[in-house]
N, C-alpha and C. Protein backbone atom coordinates (compact mmCIF):
# COMPACT_ATOMS: atom_id res chain seq x y z
N UNK A 1 143.15 58.67 -72.01
CA UNK A 1 141.72 58.83 -71.91
C UNK A 1 141.41 60.33 -71.82
N UNK A 2 140.62 60.79 -72.73
CA UNK A 2 140.29 62.21 -72.79
C UNK A 2 138.99 62.47 -72.06
N UNK A 3 139.04 63.39 -71.14
CA UNK A 3 137.86 63.73 -70.36
C UNK A 3 137.51 65.19 -70.63
N UNK A 4 136.29 65.42 -71.08
CA UNK A 4 135.91 66.80 -71.38
C UNK A 4 135.43 67.48 -70.10
N UNK A 5 135.86 68.68 -69.91
CA UNK A 5 135.49 69.45 -68.73
C UNK A 5 134.54 70.55 -69.16
N UNK A 6 133.42 70.60 -68.51
CA UNK A 6 132.47 71.65 -68.84
C UNK A 6 132.92 72.94 -68.17
N UNK A 7 132.85 74.03 -68.88
CA UNK A 7 133.27 75.30 -68.28
C UNK A 7 132.28 75.77 -67.21
N UNK A 8 132.80 76.50 -66.26
CA UNK A 8 131.99 77.14 -65.23
C UNK A 8 131.90 78.61 -65.61
N UNK A 9 130.70 79.16 -65.52
CA UNK A 9 130.51 80.55 -65.96
C UNK A 9 130.07 81.43 -64.82
N UNK A 10 130.38 82.70 -64.96
CA UNK A 10 129.87 83.74 -64.06
C UNK A 10 129.06 84.68 -64.93
N UNK A 11 127.77 84.79 -64.65
CA UNK A 11 126.92 85.72 -65.37
C UNK A 11 126.70 86.95 -64.50
N UNK A 12 126.90 88.10 -65.11
CA UNK A 12 126.76 89.36 -64.37
C UNK A 12 126.13 90.42 -65.27
N UNK A 13 124.85 90.25 -65.60
CA UNK A 13 124.22 91.18 -66.54
C UNK A 13 124.16 92.62 -66.03
N UNK A 14 124.03 92.78 -64.74
CA UNK A 14 123.94 94.12 -64.15
C UNK A 14 125.28 94.83 -64.04
N UNK A 15 126.35 94.04 -63.96
CA UNK A 15 127.67 94.59 -63.70
C UNK A 15 128.60 94.36 -64.88
N UNK A 16 128.15 94.66 -66.07
CA UNK A 16 128.93 94.42 -67.28
C UNK A 16 130.28 95.13 -67.24
N UNK A 17 130.34 96.28 -66.63
CA UNK A 17 131.58 97.03 -66.55
C UNK A 17 132.59 96.45 -65.57
N UNK A 18 132.17 95.50 -64.76
CA UNK A 18 133.05 94.93 -63.73
C UNK A 18 133.65 93.58 -64.15
N UNK A 19 133.40 93.15 -65.40
CA UNK A 19 133.90 91.83 -65.84
C UNK A 19 135.41 91.74 -65.75
N UNK A 20 136.08 92.73 -66.27
CA UNK A 20 137.54 92.70 -66.26
C UNK A 20 138.08 92.80 -64.84
N UNK A 21 137.42 93.56 -64.01
CA UNK A 21 137.82 93.70 -62.62
C UNK A 21 137.68 92.36 -61.88
N UNK A 22 136.59 91.64 -62.13
CA UNK A 22 136.40 90.32 -61.52
C UNK A 22 137.45 89.34 -62.03
N UNK A 23 137.73 89.40 -63.32
CA UNK A 23 138.74 88.52 -63.90
C UNK A 23 140.10 88.75 -63.24
N UNK A 24 140.48 90.01 -63.07
CA UNK A 24 141.74 90.35 -62.40
C UNK A 24 141.73 89.91 -60.95
N UNK A 25 140.60 90.06 -60.26
CA UNK A 25 140.46 89.66 -58.86
C UNK A 25 140.68 88.15 -58.73
N UNK A 26 140.06 87.35 -59.60
CA UNK A 26 140.20 85.89 -59.55
C UNK A 26 141.64 85.46 -59.85
N UNK A 27 142.29 86.16 -60.76
CA UNK A 27 143.67 85.83 -61.10
C UNK A 27 144.61 86.20 -59.96
N UNK A 28 144.43 87.38 -59.39
CA UNK A 28 145.32 87.87 -58.35
C UNK A 28 145.19 87.08 -57.04
N UNK A 29 143.95 86.86 -56.61
CA UNK A 29 143.73 86.25 -55.30
C UNK A 29 143.66 84.71 -55.32
N UNK A 30 143.23 84.14 -56.43
CA UNK A 30 143.00 82.70 -56.47
C UNK A 30 143.74 81.99 -57.59
N UNK A 31 144.55 82.75 -58.36
CA UNK A 31 145.34 82.18 -59.47
C UNK A 31 144.46 81.46 -60.48
N UNK A 32 143.28 82.00 -60.75
CA UNK A 32 142.35 81.41 -61.70
C UNK A 32 142.29 82.26 -62.96
N UNK A 33 142.55 81.65 -64.10
CA UNK A 33 142.46 82.36 -65.37
C UNK A 33 141.03 82.23 -65.87
N UNK A 34 140.54 83.32 -66.42
CA UNK A 34 139.17 83.33 -66.94
C UNK A 34 139.16 83.97 -68.31
N UNK A 35 138.09 83.71 -69.03
CA UNK A 35 137.92 84.26 -70.37
C UNK A 35 136.68 85.14 -70.36
N UNK A 36 136.81 86.35 -70.89
CA UNK A 36 135.67 87.26 -70.96
C UNK A 36 134.71 86.79 -72.04
N UNK A 37 133.43 86.70 -71.70
CA UNK A 37 132.39 86.38 -72.67
C UNK A 37 131.35 87.49 -72.63
N UNK A 38 130.36 87.41 -73.49
CA UNK A 38 129.42 88.52 -73.64
C UNK A 38 128.69 88.89 -72.35
N UNK A 39 128.27 87.90 -71.56
CA UNK A 39 127.49 88.21 -70.36
C UNK A 39 128.22 87.94 -69.07
N UNK A 40 129.55 87.75 -69.12
CA UNK A 40 130.29 87.51 -67.89
C UNK A 40 131.66 86.92 -68.14
N UNK A 41 131.98 85.86 -67.37
CA UNK A 41 133.27 85.18 -67.47
C UNK A 41 133.07 83.69 -67.63
N UNK A 42 134.09 83.03 -68.16
CA UNK A 42 134.07 81.58 -68.29
C UNK A 42 135.39 81.05 -67.73
N UNK A 43 135.31 80.02 -66.89
CA UNK A 43 136.49 79.41 -66.29
C UNK A 43 136.47 77.92 -66.57
N UNK A 44 137.62 77.29 -66.49
CA UNK A 44 137.72 75.85 -66.69
C UNK A 44 137.12 75.14 -65.48
N UNK A 45 136.19 74.22 -65.71
CA UNK A 45 135.54 73.49 -64.64
C UNK A 45 136.48 72.59 -63.86
N UNK A 46 137.65 72.28 -64.43
CA UNK A 46 138.63 71.46 -63.74
C UNK A 46 139.32 72.25 -62.63
N UNK A 47 139.44 73.55 -62.83
CA UNK A 47 140.16 74.41 -61.88
C UNK A 47 139.35 74.73 -60.63
N UNK A 48 138.03 74.83 -60.76
CA UNK A 48 137.21 75.30 -59.65
C UNK A 48 135.79 74.74 -59.78
N UNK A 49 135.17 74.48 -58.63
CA UNK A 49 133.77 74.06 -58.64
C UNK A 49 132.87 75.29 -58.58
N UNK A 50 131.61 75.11 -58.89
CA UNK A 50 130.70 76.26 -58.88
C UNK A 50 130.54 76.83 -57.48
N UNK A 51 130.54 75.97 -56.46
CA UNK A 51 130.35 76.46 -55.09
C UNK A 51 131.58 77.20 -54.59
N UNK A 52 132.78 76.74 -54.97
CA UNK A 52 134.00 77.48 -54.63
C UNK A 52 133.99 78.83 -55.34
N UNK A 53 133.58 78.81 -56.61
CA UNK A 53 133.54 80.05 -57.38
C UNK A 53 132.52 81.03 -56.80
N UNK A 54 131.42 80.51 -56.29
CA UNK A 54 130.42 81.38 -55.67
C UNK A 54 131.03 82.12 -54.48
N UNK A 55 131.79 81.40 -53.65
CA UNK A 55 132.44 82.04 -52.50
C UNK A 55 133.41 83.13 -52.96
N UNK A 56 134.15 82.85 -54.02
CA UNK A 56 135.10 83.82 -54.54
C UNK A 56 134.39 85.05 -55.10
N UNK A 57 133.30 84.81 -55.82
CA UNK A 57 132.54 85.93 -56.39
C UNK A 57 131.91 86.75 -55.27
N UNK A 58 131.44 86.09 -54.22
CA UNK A 58 130.89 86.81 -53.07
C UNK A 58 131.95 87.69 -52.42
N UNK A 59 133.19 87.18 -52.33
CA UNK A 59 134.28 88.00 -51.79
C UNK A 59 134.53 89.22 -52.68
N UNK A 60 134.43 89.03 -53.99
CA UNK A 60 134.60 90.14 -54.91
C UNK A 60 133.50 91.18 -54.71
N UNK A 61 132.25 90.71 -54.61
CA UNK A 61 131.10 91.61 -54.41
C UNK A 61 131.28 92.40 -53.11
N UNK A 62 131.73 91.72 -52.06
CA UNK A 62 131.96 92.39 -50.78
C UNK A 62 133.11 93.39 -50.87
N UNK A 63 134.17 93.03 -51.58
CA UNK A 63 135.33 93.93 -51.67
C UNK A 63 135.00 95.19 -52.46
N UNK A 64 134.06 95.09 -53.39
CA UNK A 64 133.63 96.25 -54.18
C UNK A 64 132.49 97.01 -53.49
N UNK A 65 132.13 96.55 -52.30
CA UNK A 65 131.04 97.16 -51.53
C UNK A 65 129.71 97.16 -52.30
N UNK A 66 129.48 96.06 -53.02
CA UNK A 66 128.24 95.89 -53.77
C UNK A 66 127.26 94.97 -53.05
N UNK A 67 127.63 94.52 -51.85
CA UNK A 67 126.82 93.53 -51.15
C UNK A 67 125.48 94.08 -50.67
N UNK A 68 125.29 95.37 -50.70
CA UNK A 68 123.98 95.91 -50.32
C UNK A 68 123.03 95.92 -51.52
N UNK A 69 123.57 95.75 -52.72
CA UNK A 69 122.73 95.78 -53.92
C UNK A 69 122.75 94.49 -54.73
N UNK A 70 123.79 93.64 -54.53
CA UNK A 70 123.94 92.44 -55.34
C UNK A 70 124.27 91.23 -54.48
N UNK A 71 123.98 90.04 -55.02
CA UNK A 71 124.30 88.78 -54.34
C UNK A 71 124.61 87.72 -55.40
N UNK A 72 125.39 86.71 -55.01
CA UNK A 72 125.81 85.65 -55.92
C UNK A 72 125.05 84.37 -55.60
N UNK A 73 124.58 83.69 -56.65
CA UNK A 73 123.84 82.44 -56.48
C UNK A 73 124.33 81.43 -57.51
N UNK A 74 124.25 80.14 -57.14
CA UNK A 74 124.63 79.06 -58.06
C UNK A 74 123.37 78.55 -58.74
N UNK A 75 123.43 78.49 -60.07
CA UNK A 75 122.34 77.93 -60.87
C UNK A 75 122.96 76.93 -61.84
N UNK A 76 123.03 75.66 -61.46
CA UNK A 76 123.66 74.64 -62.30
C UNK A 76 125.16 74.85 -62.34
N UNK A 77 125.72 75.06 -63.53
CA UNK A 77 127.15 75.31 -63.70
C UNK A 77 127.43 76.80 -63.86
N UNK A 78 126.50 77.61 -63.40
CA UNK A 78 126.62 79.07 -63.55
C UNK A 78 126.53 79.74 -62.18
N UNK A 79 127.44 80.65 -61.91
CA UNK A 79 127.33 81.53 -60.75
C UNK A 79 126.80 82.85 -61.28
N UNK A 80 125.67 83.25 -60.76
CA UNK A 80 125.01 84.44 -61.28
C UNK A 80 125.03 85.54 -60.22
N UNK A 81 125.43 86.74 -60.63
CA UNK A 81 125.39 87.89 -59.74
C UNK A 81 124.07 88.60 -60.00
N UNK A 82 123.20 88.55 -59.01
CA UNK A 82 121.87 89.14 -59.13
C UNK A 82 121.78 90.45 -58.37
N UNK A 83 120.82 91.26 -58.77
CA UNK A 83 120.55 92.52 -58.07
C UNK A 83 119.33 92.29 -57.18
N UNK A 84 119.40 92.81 -55.97
CA UNK A 84 118.24 92.74 -55.08
C UNK A 84 117.09 93.51 -55.71
N UNK A 85 115.89 92.99 -55.59
CA UNK A 85 114.71 93.66 -56.13
C UNK A 85 114.02 94.46 -55.04
N UNK A 86 114.64 95.54 -54.68
CA UNK A 86 114.06 96.40 -53.65
C UNK A 86 113.47 97.63 -54.30
N UNK A 87 112.36 98.02 -53.81
CA UNK A 87 111.79 99.27 -54.26
C UNK A 87 112.26 100.34 -53.29
N UNK A 88 112.70 101.43 -53.84
CA UNK A 88 113.10 102.53 -52.96
C UNK A 88 111.86 103.31 -52.61
N UNK A 89 111.37 103.06 -51.42
CA UNK A 89 110.19 103.77 -50.95
C UNK A 89 110.60 105.13 -50.44
N UNK A 90 109.81 106.08 -50.80
CA UNK A 90 110.05 107.41 -50.26
C UNK A 90 109.67 107.39 -48.80
N UNK A 91 110.48 108.03 -48.02
CA UNK A 91 110.15 108.09 -46.60
C UNK A 91 109.03 109.09 -46.42
N UNK A 92 107.87 108.54 -46.19
CA UNK A 92 106.71 109.40 -46.02
C UNK A 92 106.50 109.65 -44.54
N UNK A 93 106.21 110.84 -44.24
CA UNK A 93 105.93 111.19 -42.86
C UNK A 93 104.51 110.74 -42.55
N UNK A 94 104.39 109.78 -41.65
CA UNK A 94 103.07 109.23 -41.33
C UNK A 94 102.19 110.24 -40.60
N UNK A 95 102.80 111.14 -39.89
CA UNK A 95 102.06 112.15 -39.13
C UNK A 95 102.57 113.53 -39.52
N UNK A 96 102.13 114.02 -40.66
CA UNK A 96 102.64 115.34 -41.07
C UNK A 96 102.14 116.42 -40.13
N UNK A 97 103.02 117.33 -39.83
CA UNK A 97 102.67 118.42 -38.93
C UNK A 97 102.79 119.73 -39.71
N UNK A 98 101.86 120.57 -39.48
CA UNK A 98 101.96 121.87 -40.11
C UNK A 98 102.93 122.72 -39.31
N UNK A 99 103.52 123.66 -39.97
CA UNK A 99 104.46 124.53 -39.29
C UNK A 99 103.70 125.30 -38.21
N UNK A 100 104.21 125.22 -37.04
CA UNK A 100 103.52 125.89 -35.95
C UNK A 100 103.92 127.36 -35.91
N UNK A 101 102.98 128.16 -35.61
CA UNK A 101 103.26 129.59 -35.47
C UNK A 101 103.25 129.89 -33.97
N UNK A 102 104.39 130.29 -33.52
CA UNK A 102 104.53 130.58 -32.09
C UNK A 102 104.38 132.08 -31.91
N UNK A 103 103.47 132.40 -31.05
CA UNK A 103 103.26 133.82 -30.78
C UNK A 103 103.84 134.14 -29.40
N UNK A 104 104.67 135.10 -29.43
CA UNK A 104 105.26 135.52 -28.17
C UNK A 104 104.52 136.76 -27.65
N UNK A 105 104.27 136.75 -26.41
CA UNK A 105 103.55 137.86 -25.84
C UNK A 105 104.45 138.85 -25.13
N UNK A 106 105.59 139.22 -25.76
CA UNK A 106 106.47 140.18 -25.11
C UNK A 106 105.98 141.56 -25.26
């Protein structure tokens, strides 16, 4: 009886340069082989579930110290690495002070 397994994918549009690094990380730490595709990685759905893969991808994001800018989420059969949508606000001084001129009476 032949059972078709749907592949599990990791999409990482922001981290295109890290695809090979993630592939090596999954192979080294979890013995999971993956195939590089245009927008990320593809793994056999028989080897890992999407929720297990999300935990593994989160460990990768943490190990690369990307957890302050990126997070992993499950969307169907896809684990997606998203970027936080933070605006970098300039630190504005709410109470600007003019330079004080100190006069010494020596």
